[in-house]
Amino acid sequence: QVHLVESGGGLVQPGGSLTLSCAASGFTFKNYGMRWYRQAPGKERELVASTSVTDGSTIYADSVKGRFTFSGDNAKNTVYLQMNSLKPEDTAVYYCYTARGSTWGQGIQVTVSS
């Protein structure tokens, strides 16, 4: 059974950093497109970062470009979202997604506030 579990969220001050993890099970993540989305209160879910299986490239939303980095650990079958220079507008529930069965993680809260 395909399953995604996020971890690493929490409360951080503006300018701080967090790393989100997404542990995959039931499939090998490197064989499928992986994405991070987020949804802020009262807003629609938006794509944050997306990797391509074809060429391994990653695209980022303009709002996070240069601050967020998507990476993966094949041995742990886990992907990460390193978030630096966090801003209050980054506050949202963050979701991991795989094209394998169009599966979503349960989501994890990130709050950026002083």
Protein backbone atom coordinates (compact mmCIF):
# COMPACT_ATOMS: atom_id res chain seq x y z
CA GLN A 1 0.00 0.00 0.00
CA VAL A 2 1.33 3.41 -1.00
CA HIS A 3 1.81 5.67 1.99
CA LEU A 4 3.42 9.06 2.69
CA VAL A 5 4.15 10.44 6.15
CA GLU A 6 5.35 14.01 6.69
CA SER A 7 7.32 15.20 9.71
CA GLY A 8 9.46 18.13 10.81
CA GLY A 9 6.93 20.93 10.93
CA GLY A 10 6.42 23.35 13.79
CA LEU A 11 6.75 26.95 14.89
CA VAL A 12 9.71 29.02 13.73
CA GLN A 13 10.57 32.71 13.85
CA PRO A 14 10.79 34.78 10.67
CA GLY A 15 14.16 34.27 9.04
CA GLY A 16 14.50 30.82 10.53
CA SER A 17 14.75 27.40 8.91
CA LEU A 18 12.91 24.09 8.96
CA THR A 19 13.33 20.83 7.11
CA LEU A 20 10.26 18.79 6.28
CA SER A 21 10.56 15.06 5.67
CA CYS A 22 8.26 12.80 3.70
CA ALA A 23 8.81 9.09 4.26
CA ALA A 24 7.47 6.92 1.44
CA SER A 25 6.39 3.31 1.73
CA GLY A 26 4.85 0.83 -0.68
CA PHE A 27 6.79 2.22 -3.64
CA THR A 28 10.20 3.68 -4.55
CA PHE A 29 9.92 7.44 -4.72
CA LYS A 30 12.72 7.94 -7.25
CA ASN A 31 10.62 6.15 -9.89
CA TYR A 32 7.74 8.61 -9.62
CA GLY A 33 7.19 12.35 -9.67
CA MET A 34 7.20 13.83 -6.17
CA ARG A 35 5.79 17.19 -5.11
CA TRP A 36 5.36 19.43 -2.10
CA TYR A 37 2.20 21.52 -1.83
CA ARG A 38 0.96 23.88 0.83
CA GLN A 39 -2.36 25.34 1.85
CA ALA A 40 -2.68 28.48 3.91
CA PRO A 41 -5.88 29.31 5.83
CA GLY A 42 -8.56 30.56 3.47
CA LYS A 43 -6.46 29.88 0.40
CA GLU A 44 -6.28 27.18 -2.23
CA ARG A 45 -3.63 24.50 -2.14
CA GLU A 46 -0.59 25.60 -4.14
CA LEU A 47 2.36 23.75 -5.63
CA VAL A 48 5.63 24.54 -3.84
CA ALA A 49 8.11 22.23 -5.57
CA SER A 50 7.97 19.40 -8.07
CA THR A 51 10.54 16.90 -9.32
CA SER A 52 10.67 15.30 -12.75
CA VAL A 53 11.35 11.59 -13.12
CA THR A 54 12.43 12.17 -16.71
CA ASP A 55 15.44 14.39 -16.04
CA GLY A 56 15.56 14.77 -12.27
CA SER A 57 14.99 18.49 -12.45
CA THR A 58 13.01 20.40 -9.84
CA ILE A 59 10.78 23.42 -10.33
CA TYR A 60 9.81 25.81 -7.55
CA ALA A 61 7.05 28.31 -7.03
CA ASP A 62 8.31 31.84 -7.54
CA SER A 63 7.44 32.65 -3.94
CA VAL A 64 9.95 30.10 -2.57
CA LYS A 65 12.63 30.08 -5.27
CA GLY A 66 16.08 30.56 -3.79
CA ARG A 67 14.83 29.79 -0.26
CA PHE A 68 13.47 26.23 -0.47
CA THR A 69 15.32 23.13 -1.66
CA PHE A 70 13.82 19.76 -2.58
CA SER A 71 16.02 16.70 -2.07
CA GLY A 72 15.77 12.97 -1.59
CA ASP A 73 17.52 10.07 0.10
CA ASN A 74 17.15 6.87 -1.91
CA ALA A 75 18.41 4.66 0.92
CA LYS A 76 15.74 6.00 3.27
CA ASN A 77 13.11 6.33 0.53
CA THR A 78 12.44 9.80 1.89
CA VAL A 79 12.19 13.23 0.32
CA TYR A 80 12.86 16.53 2.06
CA LEU A 81 11.98 20.17 1.76
CA GLN A 82 14.65 22.42 3.26
CA MET A 83 13.09 25.81 4.00
CA ASN A 84 15.32 28.79 4.74
CA SER A 85 14.66 32.48 5.31
CA LEU A 86 11.12 31.67 6.30
CA LYS A 87 8.48 34.38 6.16
CA PRO A 88 5.10 34.68 7.88
CA GLU A 89 3.46 34.13 4.50
CA ASP A 90 5.02 30.66 4.40
CA THR A 91 2.65 29.65 7.19
CA ALA A 92 0.54 26.77 5.89
CA VAL A 93 -0.14 23.07 6.07
CA TYR A 94 2.44 21.37 3.87
CA TYR A 95 1.63 18.20 1.96
CA CYS A 96 3.77 15.62 0.23
CA TYR A 97 2.36 14.10 -2.97
CA THR A 98 3.35 11.29 -5.31
CA ALA A 99 2.11 10.50 -8.78
CA ARG A 100 2.10 6.87 -7.69
CA GLY A 101 -1.61 6.39 -7.17
CA SER A 102 -2.07 10.17 -6.77
CA THR A 103 -1.31 9.72 -3.10
CA TRP A 104 -1.17 12.52 -0.52
CA GLY A 105 0.43 12.64 2.89
CA GLN A 106 -1.59 13.70 5.89
CA GLY A 107 -0.12 17.20 5.93
CA ILE A 108 1.99 18.99 8.53
CA GLN A 109 1.65 22.46 9.98
CA VAL A 110 4.37 25.07 9.53
CA THR A 111 3.89 28.34 11.39
CA VAL A 112 6.23 31.29 10.92
CA SER A 113 5.68 33.86 13.63
CA SER A 114 7.53 35.94 16.18
